[in-house]
Amino acid sequence: MNKSVEQNNLLKGVNLYLVGMMGTGKTTVGRVLATKLGYKFVDTDEIITQVTQQSISEVFATSGESAFRQIETQVLARVCAYTHLAIATGGGIVLRRENWSYLHHGLIVWLDAPIELLYTRLNTDETRPLLQAGDLRTQLETLLQQRQPLYSQADLRVNVNLEETPEQLATRILAAIPQVLKKGETPTTQL
């Protein structure tokens, strides 16, 4: 069977959700995965900016984090009604319990990157509202410590490293999916 046909049937239309800290590459890798799977790509943060007609930073500044999280949940609820999607989520989407009921409609992949890699990628990024006050490394460590137990509930954990291209990372994820899906089970697997 043609490899692209195999990949198109790999998830049988089930959505693939990418979770993880900001800076792990969810959007970039998500686009590659969508192409390889024959899926459409969706970024929940991009939808939020379209719906609100504001940047994420502006939503945080004008409405606050709680309002942002509510909008994020509404977007996720709508997105999960569709199939054949690779979805990059915001780093904090795992914080609300009700979001997990939506995420569990698909396969959840946690992109896990070390703090040093996140620091390198986000050091000059001034668009992240949760990273604007205080020491960046300390803020990243605090957020990761808070979110790591939630991220660990994903079906598949994939360690991200600096040397790997998004294409290589996507290929590793696709290779691991059959192990996660075998026998209809969804155990947590680590790559």
Protein backbone atom coordinates (compact mmCIF):
# COMPACT_ATOMS: atom_id res chain seq x y z
CA MET A 1 0.00 0.00 0.00
CA ASN A 2 1.19 3.55 -0.77
CA LYS A 3 2.80 5.16 2.31
CA SER A 4 0.70 8.35 2.05
CA VAL A 5 -2.49 6.28 1.81
CA GLU A 6 -1.41 4.35 4.92
CA GLN A 7 -0.81 7.62 6.77
CA ASN A 8 -4.15 9.02 5.60
CA ASN A 9 -5.87 5.98 7.15
CA LEU A 10 -3.67 5.82 10.24
CA LEU A 11 -6.09 7.62 12.56
CA LYS A 12 -9.24 6.80 10.58
CA GLY A 13 -10.34 10.43 10.75
CA VAL A 14 -9.78 10.81 14.49
CA ASN A 15 -8.38 14.24 15.36
CA LEU A 16 -4.83 14.61 16.58
CA TYR A 17 -4.36 17.19 19.37
CA LEU A 18 -0.93 18.61 20.13
CA VAL A 19 -0.45 19.83 23.70
CA GLY A 20 2.60 21.16 25.47
CA MET A 21 4.34 24.29 26.63
CA MET A 22 4.58 27.37 24.45
CA GLY A 23 7.66 27.14 22.26
CA THR A 24 7.60 23.37 21.78
CA GLY A 25 6.64 23.68 18.11
CA LYS A 26 3.00 22.57 18.24
CA THR A 27 1.98 24.83 15.34
CA THR A 28 4.96 24.01 13.12
CA VAL A 29 4.84 20.27 13.77
CA GLY A 30 1.04 20.30 13.54
CA ARG A 31 1.18 21.70 10.02
CA VAL A 32 3.63 18.97 8.97
CA LEU A 33 1.50 16.26 10.58
CA ALA A 34 -1.63 17.56 8.86
CA THR A 35 0.08 17.38 5.49
CA LYS A 36 1.44 13.88 6.12
CA LEU A 37 -1.94 12.62 7.37
CA GLY A 38 -3.98 14.31 4.63
CA TYR A 39 -5.71 16.30 7.39
CA LYS A 40 -6.56 19.97 7.73
CA PHE A 41 -4.56 21.99 10.25
CA VAL A 42 -6.13 24.09 13.01
CA ASP A 43 -4.44 26.28 15.62
CA THR A 44 -6.79 27.15 18.48
CA ASP A 45 -4.89 30.39 19.20
CA GLU A 46 -5.29 31.48 15.56
CA ILE A 47 -9.04 30.84 15.77
CA ILE A 48 -9.23 32.87 19.00
CA THR A 49 -7.52 35.83 17.32
CA GLN A 50 -9.95 35.58 14.38
CA VAL A 51 -13.03 35.34 16.60
CA THR A 52 -12.02 38.12 19.00
CA GLN A 53 -10.27 40.26 16.36
CA GLN A 54 -7.51 40.72 18.95
CA SER A 55 -4.10 39.21 19.53
CA ILE A 56 -3.77 36.75 22.41
CA SER A 57 -1.90 39.46 24.35
CA GLU A 58 -4.75 41.92 23.76
CA VAL A 59 -7.35 39.40 24.94
CA PHE A 60 -5.34 38.84 28.13
CA ALA A 61 -4.90 42.61 28.63
CA THR A 62 -8.52 43.62 27.95
CA SER A 63 -10.44 40.63 29.30
CA GLY A 64 -8.03 38.71 31.53
CA GLU A 65 -6.80 35.13 31.56
CA SER A 66 -10.09 33.69 32.83
CA ALA A 67 -12.03 35.15 29.89
CA PHE A 68 -9.33 33.93 27.49
CA ARG A 69 -9.60 30.39 28.92
CA GLN A 70 -13.39 30.47 28.46
CA ILE A 71 -13.03 31.50 24.80
CA GLU A 72 -10.38 28.78 24.38
CA THR A 73 -12.81 26.17 25.72
CA GLN A 74 -15.57 27.38 23.37
CA VAL A 75 -13.19 27.14 20.40
CA LEU A 76 -12.08 23.64 21.41
CA ALA A 77 -15.71 22.53 21.78
CA ARG A 78 -16.45 23.64 18.22
CA VAL A 79 -13.26 22.22 16.73
CA CYS A 80 -13.73 18.77 18.25
CA ALA A 81 -17.04 18.44 16.40
CA TYR A 82 -15.04 17.97 13.19
CA THR A 83 -12.82 15.09 12.07
CA HIS A 84 -9.62 14.76 10.05
CA LEU A 85 -7.90 17.62 11.89
CA ALA A 86 -4.42 18.10 13.33
CA ILE A 87 -4.92 20.67 16.09
CA ALA A 88 -2.27 22.78 17.82
CA THR A 89 -3.61 23.92 21.18
CA GLY A 90 -2.54 26.71 23.47
CA GLY A 91 -0.10 25.70 26.20
CA GLY A 92 -2.66 26.23 28.97
CA ILE A 93 -5.56 24.37 27.39
CA VAL A 94 -4.92 21.46 29.76
CA LEU A 95 -5.72 23.62 32.81
CA ARG A 96 -9.50 23.34 32.50
CA ARG A 97 -10.95 19.95 33.32
CA GLU A 98 -13.76 20.30 30.77
CA ASN A 99 -11.20 20.68 27.97
CA TRP A 100 -10.04 17.13 28.61
CA SER A 101 -13.48 15.81 27.68
CA TYR A 102 -13.00 17.45 24.27
CA LEU A 103 -9.36 16.41 23.89
CA HIS A 104 -10.23 12.77 24.62
CA HIS A 105 -12.31 12.72 21.42
CA GLY A 106 -8.98 12.36 19.62
CA LEU A 107 -5.40 11.28 20.07
CA ILE A 108 -3.47 13.61 22.40
CA VAL A 109 0.26 14.11 21.72
CA TRP A 110 2.38 15.96 24.28
CA LEU A 111 5.38 17.73 22.80
CA ASP A 112 7.76 17.84 25.76
CA ALA A 113 10.80 20.11 25.51
CA PRO A 114 13.44 20.91 28.12
CA ILE A 115 13.41 24.35 29.76
CA GLU A 116 16.68 25.32 28.03
CA LEU A 117 15.15 24.73 24.59
CA LEU A 118 12.01 26.67 25.50
CA TYR A 119 14.15 29.51 26.89
CA THR A 120 16.19 29.65 23.67
CA ARG A 121 13.06 29.75 21.51
CA LEU A 122 11.12 32.25 23.65
CA ASN A 123 13.88 34.56 24.89
CA THR A 124 13.03 37.34 22.42
CA ASP A 125 9.29 36.62 22.06
CA GLU A 126 7.30 39.51 23.52
CA THR A 127 3.89 38.20 22.43
CA ARG A 128 3.38 35.68 25.27
CA PRO A 129 1.32 37.33 28.04
CA LEU A 130 2.23 34.78 30.71
CA LEU A 131 5.96 35.42 30.18
CA GLN A 132 6.04 39.20 30.40
CA ALA A 133 6.77 39.74 34.10
CA GLY A 134 9.93 38.56 35.85
CA ASP A 135 12.67 36.15 34.86
CA LEU A 136 11.78 34.10 31.77
CA ARG A 137 13.51 30.90 32.91
CA THR A 138 11.76 31.05 36.31
CA GLN A 139 8.39 31.68 34.66
CA LEU A 140 8.87 28.73 32.30
CA GLU A 141 9.88 26.45 35.17
CA THR A 142 6.84 27.52 37.20
CA LEU A 143 4.42 26.98 34.29
CA LEU A 144 5.93 23.61 33.42
CA GLN A 145 5.82 22.46 37.04
CA GLN A 146 2.12 23.41 37.19
CA ARG A 147 1.21 21.84 33.85
CA GLN A 148 3.45 18.76 33.63
CA PRO A 149 1.07 16.47 35.59
CA LEU A 150 -1.70 17.51 33.18
CA TYR A 151 0.40 17.10 30.04
CA SER A 152 1.40 13.64 31.25
CA GLN A 153 -2.22 12.52 30.74
CA ALA A 154 -1.67 12.64 26.97
CA ASP A 155 -1.79 9.42 24.95
CA LEU A 156 1.71 9.94 23.58
CA ARG A 157 4.66 11.90 25.01
CA VAL A 158 7.27 13.00 22.49
CA ASN A 159 10.55 14.52 23.64
CA VAL A 160 11.54 17.50 21.50
CA ASN A 161 15.19 18.28 20.88
CA LEU A 162 16.94 21.15 19.14
CA GLU A 163 18.71 19.07 16.49
CA GLU A 164 15.52 17.55 15.08
CA THR A 165 13.57 19.21 12.26
CA PRO A 166 9.77 19.48 12.46
CA GLU A 167 9.58 16.89 9.65
CA GLN A 168 11.71 14.43 11.61
CA LEU A 169 9.63 14.99 14.73
CA ALA A 170 6.39 14.47 12.77
CA THR A 171 7.79 11.26 11.29
CA ARG A 172 8.62 9.98 14.79
CA ILE A 173 5.09 10.81 15.98
CA LEU A 174 3.49 9.01 13.03
CA ALA A 175 5.68 5.96 13.62
CA ALA A 176 4.55 5.79 17.27
CA ILE A 177 0.81 6.17 16.66
CA PRO A 178 0.18 2.48 15.77
CA GLN A 179 1.67 1.45 19.15
CA VAL A 180 -0.74 3.80 20.91
CA LEU A 181 -3.75 2.65 18.89
CA LYS A 182 -3.12 -1.11 18.92
CA LYS A 183 -6.00 -3.18 20.19
CA GLY A 184 -8.16 -0.08 20.59
CA GLU A 185 -6.27 0.93 23.72
CA THR A 186 -4.83 4.37 24.35
CA PRO A 187 -2.01 3.84 26.83
CA THR A 188 0.48 6.62 27.41
CA THR A 189 3.62 6.01 25.37
CA GLN A 190 6.85 7.98 25.52
CA LEU A 191 9.18 8.70 22.61
